[in-house]
Amino acid sequence: MATTIHPSAIVDDGAQLGDGCRVWHFVHISAGARIGERCSFGQNVYVGSDVSIGHNVKIQNNVSVYDAVTLEDDVFCGPSMVFTNVYNPRSAVTRKDEYRRTLVRQGATLGANCTVVCGTTIGRHAFIGAGAVVHRDVPDFALMVGVPARQIGWMSRHGDKLPLPVRSAEPLDATCPHTGDRYRLTGEQLTLL
């Protein structure tokens, strides 16, 4: 499967793109970026040099993936969501040596217009609602909403909200209605059985 790059896009020499990527209008991918197979970059996306992107990642329009961000396989970045890489930026103070690394684990969804403050890890298959502001680590499968983001539930790998409380003193099980996958909530941690 061939990679498609729109004529208006800029892919700097040294950028690594896997097979089957789609790079749309006005995208800029910087020289050091490492990108897996079958990724999609919507209109007006920017990818920095110190960025690693796995396979089958979808980055929608108007997203900037700045240096020190890692996106694992199957991550979805909704339209106009925001990454940062400096915690306390000032125009008059150079802080490029103070970048805080951000990690988005496999299968996570970052909703439209959400903001991920640098230095956080977003767990596997977590779901960040539209407009949420994430300023601390997010557990695997967690459903997060609001400003600041707070957990209101759990999501299956398929993207269905599971009928479970946020925490439980006793183990509780739930099943994804679409896939039949079974999950167990123990305390404040959800695992796929």
N, C-alpha and C. Protein backbone atom coordinates (compact mmCIF):
# COMPACT_ATOMS: atom_id res chain seq x y z
N MET A 1 0.85 -1.18 0.00
CA MET A 1 0.00 0.00 0.00
C MET A 1 0.89 1.24 0.00
N ALA A 2 0.72 2.07 -0.98
CA ALA A 2 1.58 3.25 -1.15
C ALA A 2 1.16 4.37 -0.22
N THR A 3 2.13 5.19 0.16
CA THR A 3 1.86 6.39 0.94
C THR A 3 1.43 7.50 -0.01
N THR A 4 0.40 8.26 0.38
CA THR A 4 -0.12 9.36 -0.43
C THR A 4 0.20 10.68 0.27
N ILE A 5 0.86 11.60 -0.45
CA ILE A 5 1.21 12.90 0.11
C ILE A 5 0.66 13.98 -0.81
N HIS A 6 -0.23 14.83 -0.28
CA HIS A 6 -0.82 15.90 -1.09
C HIS A 6 0.28 16.88 -1.51
N PRO A 7 0.18 17.47 -2.71
CA PRO A 7 1.21 18.39 -3.18
C PRO A 7 1.44 19.60 -2.27
N SER A 8 0.45 20.01 -1.49
CA SER A 8 0.62 21.16 -0.60
C SER A 8 1.31 20.80 0.71
N ALA A 9 1.47 19.51 0.99
CA ALA A 9 2.11 19.06 2.24
C ALA A 9 3.62 19.17 2.13
N ILE A 10 4.27 19.33 3.28
CA ILE A 10 5.73 19.37 3.36
C ILE A 10 6.17 18.22 4.26
N VAL A 11 6.96 17.30 3.71
CA VAL A 11 7.56 16.23 4.49
C VAL A 11 9.06 16.43 4.38
N ASP A 12 9.67 16.89 5.46
CA ASP A 12 11.10 17.21 5.45
C ASP A 12 11.95 15.97 5.22
N ASP A 13 13.10 16.16 4.54
CA ASP A 13 14.06 15.08 4.38
C ASP A 13 14.44 14.55 5.75
N GLY A 14 14.47 13.24 5.89
CA GLY A 14 14.82 12.61 7.17
C GLY A 14 13.61 12.12 7.95
N ALA A 15 12.41 12.59 7.61
CA ALA A 15 11.20 12.06 8.25
C ALA A 15 10.98 10.63 7.77
N GLN A 16 10.57 9.76 8.67
CA GLN A 16 10.32 8.36 8.33
C GLN A 16 8.82 8.10 8.36
N LEU A 17 8.24 7.74 7.21
CA LEU A 17 6.83 7.41 7.10
C LEU A 17 6.69 5.98 6.64
N GLY A 18 5.85 5.21 7.35
CA GLY A 18 5.59 3.83 6.97
C GLY A 18 4.67 3.75 5.76
N ASP A 19 4.50 2.55 5.24
CA ASP A 19 3.64 2.32 4.08
C ASP A 19 2.19 2.65 4.41
N GLY A 20 1.48 3.12 3.38
CA GLY A 20 0.05 3.31 3.50
C GLY A 20 -0.39 4.55 4.25
N CYS A 21 0.52 5.48 4.52
CA CYS A 21 0.13 6.72 5.19
C CYS A 21 -0.57 7.65 4.21
N ARG A 22 -1.47 8.49 4.76
CA ARG A 22 -2.16 9.50 3.96
C ARG A 22 -1.87 10.86 4.60
N VAL A 23 -1.24 11.73 3.83
CA VAL A 23 -0.82 13.05 4.31
C VAL A 23 -1.60 14.08 3.49
N TRP A 24 -2.52 14.78 4.12
CA TRP A 24 -3.44 15.65 3.41
C TRP A 24 -2.95 17.10 3.30
N HIS A 25 -3.82 18.00 2.91
CA HIS A 25 -3.50 19.39 2.60
C HIS A 25 -2.77 20.10 3.74
N PHE A 26 -1.70 20.82 3.39
CA PHE A 26 -1.01 21.75 4.29
C PHE A 26 -0.43 21.09 5.55
N VAL A 27 -0.12 19.83 5.49
CA VAL A 27 0.54 19.13 6.60
C VAL A 27 2.02 19.43 6.54
N HIS A 28 2.66 19.52 7.71
CA HIS A 28 4.13 19.65 7.78
C HIS A 28 4.64 18.58 8.74
N ILE A 29 5.46 17.67 8.22
CA ILE A 29 6.10 16.63 9.02
C ILE A 29 7.59 16.92 9.05
N SER A 30 8.12 17.14 10.25
CA SER A 30 9.51 17.56 10.43
C SER A 30 10.49 16.39 10.25
N ALA A 31 11.75 16.75 10.07
CA ALA A 31 12.80 15.82 9.64
C ALA A 31 12.98 14.60 10.53
N GLY A 32 12.91 14.72 11.83
CA GLY A 32 13.20 13.60 12.71
C GLY A 32 12.01 12.73 13.07
N ALA A 33 10.81 13.07 12.59
CA ALA A 33 9.60 12.34 12.95
C ALA A 33 9.69 10.88 12.51
N ARG A 34 9.24 9.98 13.38
CA ARG A 34 9.22 8.55 13.08
C ARG A 34 7.76 8.09 13.12
N ILE A 35 7.25 7.67 11.96
CA ILE A 35 5.82 7.39 11.80
C ILE A 35 5.64 5.99 11.23
N GLY A 36 4.74 5.23 11.84
CA GLY A 36 4.46 3.87 11.41
C GLY A 36 3.59 3.80 10.17
N GLU A 37 3.03 2.63 9.92
CA GLU A 37 2.23 2.36 8.73
C GLU A 37 0.78 2.77 8.92
N ARG A 38 0.11 3.07 7.80
CA ARG A 38 -1.34 3.30 7.73
C ARG A 38 -1.80 4.45 8.63
N CYS A 39 -1.02 5.50 8.76
CA CYS A 39 -1.42 6.67 9.55
C CYS A 39 -2.07 7.70 8.64
N SER A 40 -2.95 8.50 9.22
CA SER A 40 -3.63 9.54 8.47
C SER A 40 -3.43 10.88 9.16
N PHE A 41 -3.03 11.89 8.36
CA PHE A 41 -2.78 13.24 8.86
C PHE A 41 -3.71 14.19 8.15
N GLY A 42 -4.70 14.73 8.86
CA GLY A 42 -5.69 15.63 8.28
C GLY A 42 -5.10 16.98 7.93
N GLN A 43 -5.94 17.81 7.34
CA GLN A 43 -5.50 19.14 6.90
C GLN A 43 -4.90 19.94 8.04
N ASN A 44 -3.75 20.60 7.75
CA ASN A 44 -3.12 21.55 8.68
C ASN A 44 -2.55 20.88 9.93
N VAL A 45 -2.08 19.65 9.81
CA VAL A 45 -1.42 18.97 10.93
C VAL A 45 0.06 19.29 10.89
N TYR A 46 0.65 19.46 12.08
CA TYR A 46 2.10 19.64 12.21
C TYR A 46 2.64 18.51 13.09
N VAL A 47 3.77 17.92 12.68
CA VAL A 47 4.44 16.88 13.45
C VAL A 47 5.88 17.31 13.65
N GLY A 48 6.31 17.42 14.92
CA GLY A 48 7.67 17.85 15.25
C GLY A 48 8.71 16.78 14.99
N SER A 49 9.97 17.16 15.15
CA SER A 49 11.09 16.25 14.87
C SER A 49 11.25 15.15 15.92
N ASP A 50 11.05 15.49 17.20
CA ASP A 50 11.21 14.52 18.28
C ASP A 50 9.86 13.92 18.63
N VAL A 51 9.24 13.28 17.62
CA VAL A 51 7.91 12.69 17.77
C VAL A 51 7.98 11.27 17.23
N SER A 52 7.34 10.36 17.96
CA SER A 52 7.23 8.97 17.52
C SER A 52 5.75 8.63 17.44
N ILE A 53 5.33 8.11 16.29
CA ILE A 53 3.93 7.76 16.05
C ILE A 53 3.88 6.32 15.57
N GLY A 54 3.04 5.51 16.19
CA GLY A 54 2.92 4.10 15.85
C GLY A 54 2.12 3.86 14.59
N HIS A 55 1.59 2.65 14.45
CA HIS A 55 0.82 2.26 13.28
C HIS A 55 -0.65 2.62 13.45
N ASN A 56 -1.32 2.91 12.33
CA ASN A 56 -2.77 3.11 12.28
C ASN A 56 -3.23 4.24 13.20
N VAL A 57 -2.47 5.31 13.27
CA VAL A 57 -2.82 6.49 14.07
C VAL A 57 -3.58 7.46 13.18
N LYS A 58 -4.66 8.01 13.69
CA LYS A 58 -5.47 8.99 12.95
C LYS A 58 -5.35 10.34 13.65
N ILE A 59 -4.82 11.33 12.94
CA ILE A 59 -4.69 12.68 13.48
C ILE A 59 -5.55 13.60 12.61
N GLN A 60 -6.59 14.13 13.19
CA GLN A 60 -7.57 14.93 12.46
C GLN A 60 -7.07 16.35 12.23
N ASN A 61 -7.85 17.16 11.54
CA ASN A 61 -7.45 18.51 11.14
C ASN A 61 -7.00 19.38 12.32
N ASN A 62 -6.01 20.23 12.03
CA ASN A 62 -5.57 21.30 12.94
C ASN A 62 -4.96 20.81 14.25
N VAL A 63 -4.23 19.72 14.20
CA VAL A 63 -3.54 19.21 15.40
C VAL A 63 -2.05 19.39 15.22
N SER A 64 -1.38 19.90 16.26
CA SER A 64 0.09 20.00 16.27
C SER A 64 0.63 18.99 17.28
N VAL A 65 1.44 18.05 16.78
CA VAL A 65 2.07 17.06 17.64
C VAL A 65 3.50 17.55 17.86
N TYR A 66 3.72 18.22 18.98
CA TYR A 66 4.99 18.87 19.25
C TYR A 66 6.05 17.88 19.72
N ASP A 67 7.32 18.34 19.74
CA ASP A 67 8.42 17.52 20.22
C ASP A 67 8.11 16.95 21.60
N ALA A 68 8.64 15.75 21.87
CA ALA A 68 8.52 15.04 23.14
C ALA A 68 7.18 14.34 23.30
N VAL A 69 6.44 14.15 22.20
CA VAL A 69 5.17 13.42 22.24
C VAL A 69 5.36 12.07 21.55
N THR A 70 4.85 11.01 22.19
CA THR A 70 4.83 9.67 21.60
C THR A 70 3.39 9.19 21.54
N LEU A 71 2.97 8.75 20.36
CA LEU A 71 1.65 8.17 20.17
C LEU A 71 1.84 6.71 19.77
N GLU A 72 1.33 5.80 20.58
CA GLU A 72 1.44 4.38 20.25
C GLU A 72 0.42 4.01 19.17
N ASP A 73 0.37 2.73 18.80
CA ASP A 73 -0.52 2.26 17.74
C ASP A 73 -1.98 2.59 18.04
N ASP A 74 -2.75 2.84 16.97
CA ASP A 74 -4.21 2.97 17.01
C ASP A 74 -4.72 4.15 17.83
N VAL A 75 -3.91 5.17 18.02
CA VAL A 75 -4.36 6.37 18.73
C VAL A 75 -5.18 7.24 17.78
N PHE A 76 -6.24 7.85 18.32
CA PHE A 76 -7.08 8.78 17.57
C PHE A 76 -6.96 10.16 18.20
N CYS A 77 -6.55 11.16 17.41
CA CYS A 77 -6.47 12.56 17.86
C CYS A 77 -7.56 13.34 17.14
N GLY A 78 -8.57 13.78 17.88
CA GLY A 78 -9.70 14.48 17.30
C GLY A 78 -9.33 15.86 16.79
N PRO A 79 -10.23 16.47 16.00
CA PRO A 79 -9.95 17.77 15.39
C PRO A 79 -9.59 18.83 16.43
N SER A 80 -8.53 19.56 16.15
CA SER A 80 -8.10 20.74 16.93
C SER A 80 -7.74 20.42 18.38
N MET A 81 -7.48 19.13 18.70
CA MET A 81 -6.99 18.85 20.06
C MET A 81 -5.58 19.38 20.19
N VAL A 82 -5.10 19.58 21.43
CA VAL A 82 -3.84 20.29 21.67
C VAL A 82 -2.89 19.47 22.53
N PHE A 83 -1.64 19.38 22.09
CA PHE A 83 -0.54 18.89 22.92
C PHE A 83 0.31 20.09 23.33
N THR A 84 0.95 19.99 24.50
CA THR A 84 1.95 20.99 24.90
C THR A 84 3.24 20.25 25.18
N ASN A 85 4.36 20.98 25.29
CA ASN A 85 5.60 20.32 25.68
C ASN A 85 6.41 21.10 26.71
N VAL A 86 6.00 22.31 27.02
CA VAL A 86 6.62 23.10 28.09
C VAL A 86 5.54 23.41 29.12
N TYR A 87 5.83 23.16 30.38
CA TYR A 87 4.82 23.31 31.43
C TYR A 87 4.55 24.78 31.77
N ASN A 88 5.59 25.60 31.75
CA ASN A 88 5.45 27.01 32.14
C ASN A 88 6.10 27.92 31.09
N PRO A 89 5.52 28.00 29.89
CA PRO A 89 6.17 28.76 28.81
C PRO A 89 6.17 30.26 29.06
N ARG A 90 7.24 30.89 28.62
CA ARG A 90 7.36 32.34 28.56
C ARG A 90 8.05 32.67 27.25
N SER A 91 7.59 33.66 26.55
CA SER A 91 8.19 34.04 25.29
C SER A 91 9.64 34.46 25.46
N ALA A 92 9.95 35.15 26.56
CA ALA A 92 11.29 35.70 26.77
C ALA A 92 12.26 34.70 27.40
N VAL A 93 11.78 33.48 27.75
CA VAL A 93 12.63 32.49 28.41
C VAL A 93 12.68 31.23 27.55
N THR A 94 13.86 30.84 27.12
CA THR A 94 14.03 29.63 26.32
C THR A 94 13.99 28.41 27.23
N ARG A 95 13.09 27.47 26.91
CA ARG A 95 12.93 26.29 27.77
C ARG A 95 12.95 24.99 26.96
N LYS A 96 13.64 24.99 25.81
CA LYS A 96 13.67 23.79 24.98
C LYS A 96 14.34 22.62 25.68
N ASP A 97 15.17 22.88 26.68
CA ASP A 97 15.80 21.80 27.43
C ASP A 97 14.92 21.34 28.59
N GLU A 98 13.71 21.89 28.70
CA GLU A 98 12.80 21.54 29.79
C GLU A 98 11.53 20.84 29.29
N TYR A 99 11.54 20.36 28.03
CA TYR A 99 10.36 19.67 27.51
C TYR A 99 9.99 18.50 28.42
N ARG A 100 8.71 18.35 28.69
CA ARG A 100 8.21 17.21 29.45
C ARG A 100 7.56 16.24 28.47
N ARG A 101 7.96 14.98 28.56
CA ARG A 101 7.50 13.96 27.62
C ARG A 101 6.05 13.58 27.89
N THR A 102 5.31 13.38 26.82
CA THR A 102 3.92 12.94 26.88
C THR A 102 3.81 11.62 26.14
N LEU A 103 3.11 10.67 26.75
CA LEU A 103 2.93 9.35 26.15
C LEU A 103 1.44 9.04 26.07
N VAL A 104 0.98 8.73 24.86
CA VAL A 104 -0.40 8.30 24.65
C VAL A 104 -0.34 6.83 24.25
N ARG A 105 -0.89 5.98 25.11
CA ARG A 105 -0.76 4.52 24.93
C ARG A 105 -1.73 4.00 23.87
N GLN A 106 -1.54 2.77 23.50
CA GLN A 106 -2.26 2.13 22.40
C GLN A 106 -3.77 2.27 22.53
N GLY A 107 -4.41 2.64 21.42
CA GLY A 107 -5.86 2.63 21.32
C GLY A 107 -6.58 3.78 21.99
N ALA A 108 -5.84 4.74 22.57
CA ALA A 108 -6.51 5.86 23.25
C ALA A 108 -7.16 6.80 22.25
N THR A 109 -8.26 7.43 22.68
CA THR A 109 -8.96 8.44 21.89
C THR A 109 -8.86 9.78 22.60
N LEU A 110 -8.43 10.81 21.86
CA LEU A 110 -8.35 12.17 22.37
C LEU A 110 -9.39 12.98 21.62
N GLY A 111 -10.47 13.37 22.30
CA GLY A 111 -11.60 14.01 21.66
C GLY A 111 -11.29 15.39 21.12
N ALA A 112 -12.17 15.88 20.25
CA ALA A 112 -12.02 17.19 19.62
C ALA A 112 -11.81 18.28 20.67
N ASN A 113 -10.86 19.15 20.42
CA ASN A 113 -10.59 20.33 21.25
C ASN A 113 -10.13 20.02 22.67
N CYS A 114 -9.77 18.78 22.96
CA CYS A 114 -9.21 18.52 24.29
C CYS A 114 -7.78 19.02 24.33
N THR A 115 -7.25 19.20 25.54
CA THR A 115 -5.87 19.64 25.74
C THR A 115 -5.17 18.64 26.63
N VAL A 116 -3.97 18.22 26.22
CA VAL A 116 -3.15 17.31 27.01
C VAL A 116 -1.93 18.09 27.48
N VAL A 117 -1.88 18.39 28.79
CA VAL A 117 -0.76 19.13 29.35
C VAL A 117 0.45 18.19 29.39
N CYS A 118 1.60 18.71 29.02
CA CYS A 118 2.81 17.89 28.88
C CYS A 118 3.18 17.19 30.19
N GLY A 119 3.89 16.07 30.03
CA GLY A 119 4.35 15.30 31.17
C GLY A 119 3.38 14.24 31.62
N THR A 120 2.29 14.03 30.89
CA THR A 120 1.29 13.06 31.29
C THR A 120 1.36 11.80 30.42
N THR A 121 0.82 10.71 30.98
CA THR A 121 0.65 9.47 30.24
C THR A 121 -0.83 9.16 30.20
N ILE A 122 -1.33 8.90 29.01
CA ILE A 122 -2.73 8.52 28.83
C ILE A 122 -2.75 7.03 28.54
N GLY A 123 -3.48 6.29 29.37
CA GLY A 123 -3.47 4.84 29.33
C GLY A 123 -4.09 4.22 28.09
N ARG A 124 -3.86 2.93 27.94
CA ARG A 124 -4.37 2.16 26.81
C ARG A 124 -5.89 2.25 26.75
N HIS A 125 -6.40 2.54 25.57
CA HIS A 125 -7.84 2.56 25.29
C HIS A 125 -8.61 3.55 26.15
N ALA A 126 -7.91 4.50 26.76
CA ALA A 126 -8.60 5.56 27.49
C ALA A 126 -9.36 6.42 26.50
N PHE A 127 -10.35 7.15 26.99
CA PHE A 127 -11.18 7.99 26.13
C PHE A 127 -11.28 9.36 26.77
N ILE A 128 -10.71 10.37 26.12
CA ILE A 128 -10.73 11.74 26.62
C ILE A 128 -11.83 12.48 25.86
N GLY A 129 -12.83 12.96 26.59
CA GLY A 129 -13.97 13.62 25.97
C GLY A 129 -13.60 14.94 25.32
N ALA A 130 -14.45 15.40 24.41
CA ALA A 130 -14.24 16.66 23.70
C ALA A 130 -14.12 17.80 24.70
N GLY A 131 -13.10 18.64 24.52
CA GLY A 131 -12.91 19.84 25.33
C GLY A 131 -12.29 19.61 26.69
N ALA A 132 -12.00 18.38 27.06
CA ALA A 132 -11.41 18.10 28.38
C ALA A 132 -9.98 18.62 28.45
N VAL A 133 -9.51 18.92 29.66
CA VAL A 133 -8.13 19.34 29.88
C VAL A 133 -7.46 18.32 30.81
N VAL A 134 -6.55 17.53 30.24
CA VAL A 134 -5.85 16.48 30.98
C VAL A 134 -4.57 17.05 31.55
N HIS A 135 -4.42 17.02 32.88
CA HIS A 135 -3.22 17.57 33.53
C HIS A 135 -2.53 16.55 34.43
N ARG A 136 -3.04 15.31 34.44
CA ARG A 136 -2.38 14.24 35.21
C ARG A 136 -2.59 12.92 34.48
N ASP A 137 -1.86 11.89 34.90
CA ASP A 137 -1.93 10.60 34.21
C ASP A 137 -3.35 10.04 34.22
N VAL A 138 -3.67 9.30 33.15
CA VAL A 138 -4.99 8.72 32.96
C VAL A 138 -4.85 7.19 32.91
N PRO A 139 -5.65 6.46 33.70
CA PRO A 139 -5.56 4.99 33.69
C PRO A 139 -6.03 4.37 32.37
N ASP A 140 -5.61 3.14 32.13
CA ASP A 140 -6.12 2.37 30.99
C ASP A 140 -7.64 2.33 31.06
N PHE A 141 -8.30 2.47 29.91
CA PHE A 141 -9.75 2.34 29.74
C PHE A 141 -10.57 3.45 30.39
N ALA A 142 -9.95 4.45 31.00
CA ALA A 142 -10.70 5.49 31.72
C ALA A 142 -11.43 6.42 30.76
N LEU A 143 -12.64 6.83 31.15
CA LEU A 143 -13.42 7.83 30.43
C LEU A 143 -13.29 9.14 31.21
N MET A 144 -12.68 10.15 30.57
CA MET A 144 -12.36 11.42 31.23
C MET A 144 -13.10 12.56 30.54
N VAL A 145 -13.69 13.47 31.33
CA VAL A 145 -14.38 14.64 30.79
C VAL A 145 -14.11 15.84 31.68
N GLY A 146 -14.31 17.04 31.13
CA GLY A 146 -14.34 18.26 31.92
C GLY A 146 -13.02 18.99 32.02
N VAL A 147 -13.10 20.12 32.75
CA VAL A 147 -11.95 21.01 32.96
C VAL A 147 -11.86 21.30 34.45
N PRO A 148 -10.84 20.79 35.14
CA PRO A 148 -9.88 19.79 34.65
C PRO A 148 -10.56 18.44 34.45
N ALA A 149 -9.93 17.59 33.65
CA ALA A 149 -10.53 16.28 33.35
C ALA A 149 -10.68 15.46 34.62
N ARG A 150 -11.84 14.82 34.75
CA ARG A 150 -12.10 13.91 35.86
C ARG A 150 -12.70 12.63 35.28
N GLN A 151 -12.45 11.53 35.94
CA GLN A 151 -12.94 10.25 35.44
C GLN A 151 -14.40 10.07 35.81
N ILE A 152 -15.22 9.69 34.79
CA ILE A 152 -16.64 9.43 35.06
C ILE A 152 -17.04 8.00 34.72
N GLY A 153 -16.10 7.19 34.25
CA GLY A 153 -16.44 5.81 33.92
C GLY A 153 -15.30 5.10 33.22
N TRP A 154 -15.68 4.01 32.54
CA TRP A 154 -14.73 3.14 31.86
C TRP A 154 -15.23 2.83 30.45
N MET A 155 -14.29 2.68 29.52
CA MET A 155 -14.61 2.38 28.12
C MET A 155 -13.99 1.05 27.72
N SER A 156 -14.69 0.31 26.86
CA SER A 156 -14.12 -0.92 26.31
C SER A 156 -13.16 -0.58 25.18
N ARG A 157 -12.41 -1.57 24.73
CA ARG A 157 -11.52 -1.37 23.58
C ARG A 157 -12.31 -0.95 22.35
N HIS A 158 -13.55 -1.40 22.25
CA HIS A 158 -14.40 -1.09 21.11
C HIS A 158 -14.92 0.34 21.15
N GLY A 159 -14.91 0.95 22.34
CA GLY A 159 -15.39 2.32 22.48
C GLY A 159 -16.78 2.42 23.08
N ASP A 160 -17.20 1.39 23.80
CA ASP A 160 -18.48 1.42 24.50
C ASP A 160 -18.27 1.72 25.97
N LYS A 161 -19.15 2.55 26.55
CA LYS A 161 -19.09 2.82 27.99
C LYS A 161 -19.55 1.58 28.73
N LEU A 162 -18.75 1.14 29.68
CA LEU A 162 -19.06 -0.06 30.45
C LEU A 162 -19.89 0.31 31.67
N PRO A 163 -20.84 -0.55 32.06
CA PRO A 163 -21.70 -0.26 33.21
C PRO A 163 -21.00 -0.55 34.54
N LEU A 164 -19.99 0.25 34.84
CA LEU A 164 -19.20 0.07 36.06
C LEU A 164 -19.01 1.41 36.74
N PRO A 165 -18.92 1.41 38.07
CA PRO A 165 -18.56 2.66 38.76
C PRO A 165 -17.08 2.98 38.53
N VAL A 166 -16.66 4.16 38.91
CA VAL A 166 -15.26 4.55 38.75
C VAL A 166 -14.35 3.70 39.63
N ARG A 167 -14.82 3.32 40.80
CA ARG A 167 -14.03 2.49 41.72
C ARG A 167 -14.97 1.55 42.46
N SER A 168 -14.40 0.45 42.94
CA SER A 168 -15.20 -0.52 43.68
C SER A 168 -14.33 -1.23 44.71
N ALA A 169 -14.84 -1.39 45.91
CA ALA A 169 -14.11 -2.10 46.96
C ALA A 169 -14.02 -3.59 46.66
N GLU A 170 -15.01 -4.12 45.93
CA GLU A 170 -15.01 -5.54 45.56
C GLU A 170 -14.87 -5.65 44.05
N PRO A 171 -14.24 -6.72 43.56
CA PRO A 171 -14.11 -6.89 42.11
C PRO A 171 -15.49 -6.94 41.43
N LEU A 172 -15.60 -6.21 40.31
CA LEU A 172 -16.82 -6.20 39.50
C LEU A 172 -16.46 -6.50 38.06
N ASP A 173 -17.32 -7.25 37.37
CA ASP A 173 -17.08 -7.60 35.97
C ASP A 173 -18.10 -6.92 35.07
N ALA A 174 -17.69 -6.69 33.82
CA ALA A 174 -18.58 -6.16 32.79
C ALA A 174 -18.17 -6.74 31.45
N THR A 175 -19.11 -6.76 30.52
CA THR A 175 -18.87 -7.30 29.18
C THR A 175 -19.19 -6.24 28.13
N CYS A 176 -18.30 -6.09 27.15
CA CYS A 176 -18.57 -5.17 26.04
C CYS A 176 -19.69 -5.76 25.19
N PRO A 177 -20.77 -4.98 24.93
CA PRO A 177 -21.89 -5.52 24.17
C PRO A 177 -21.57 -5.82 22.70
N HIS A 178 -20.54 -5.20 22.14
CA HIS A 178 -20.21 -5.41 20.73
C HIS A 178 -19.24 -6.56 20.50
N THR A 179 -18.29 -6.73 21.40
CA THR A 179 -17.24 -7.72 21.16
C THR A 179 -17.32 -8.93 22.07
N GLY A 180 -18.01 -8.81 23.20
CA GLY A 180 -18.04 -9.88 24.19
C GLY A 180 -16.81 -9.89 25.09
N ASP A 181 -15.88 -8.94 24.88
CA ASP A 181 -14.71 -8.86 25.77
C ASP A 181 -15.18 -8.66 27.19
N ARG A 182 -14.51 -9.34 28.13
CA ARG A 182 -14.85 -9.22 29.54
C ARG A 182 -13.79 -8.40 30.26
N TYR A 183 -14.25 -7.57 31.19
CA TYR A 183 -13.39 -6.66 31.95
C TYR A 183 -13.65 -6.86 33.43
N ARG A 184 -12.61 -6.60 34.24
CA ARG A 184 -12.76 -6.67 35.70
C ARG A 184 -12.24 -5.39 36.33
N LEU A 185 -13.08 -4.77 37.14
CA LEU A 185 -12.70 -3.60 37.92
C LEU A 185 -12.29 -4.06 39.31
N THR A 186 -11.06 -3.72 39.69
CA THR A 186 -10.55 -4.03 41.02
C THR A 186 -10.02 -2.73 41.61
N GLY A 187 -10.69 -2.21 42.63
CA GLY A 187 -10.30 -0.91 43.19
C GLY A 187 -10.55 0.19 42.19
N GLU A 188 -9.45 0.76 41.68
CA GLU A 188 -9.52 1.83 40.69
C GLU A 188 -8.81 1.43 39.40
N GLN A 189 -8.74 0.12 39.13
CA GLN A 189 -8.05 -0.37 37.95
C GLN A 189 -8.94 -1.34 37.18
N LEU A 190 -9.05 -1.13 35.87
CA LEU A 190 -9.82 -2.01 35.00
C LEU A 190 -8.86 -2.83 34.16
N THR A 191 -9.10 -4.13 34.07
CA THR A 191 -8.27 -5.00 33.25
C THR A 191 -9.14 -5.80 32.31
N LEU A 192 -8.59 -6.12 31.17
CA LEU A 192 -9.23 -6.98 30.18
C LEU A 192 -8.93 -8.41 30.57
N LEU A 193 -9.98 -9.23 30.69
CA LEU A 193 -9.78 -10.63 31.09
C LEU A 193 -9.44 -11.50 29.89
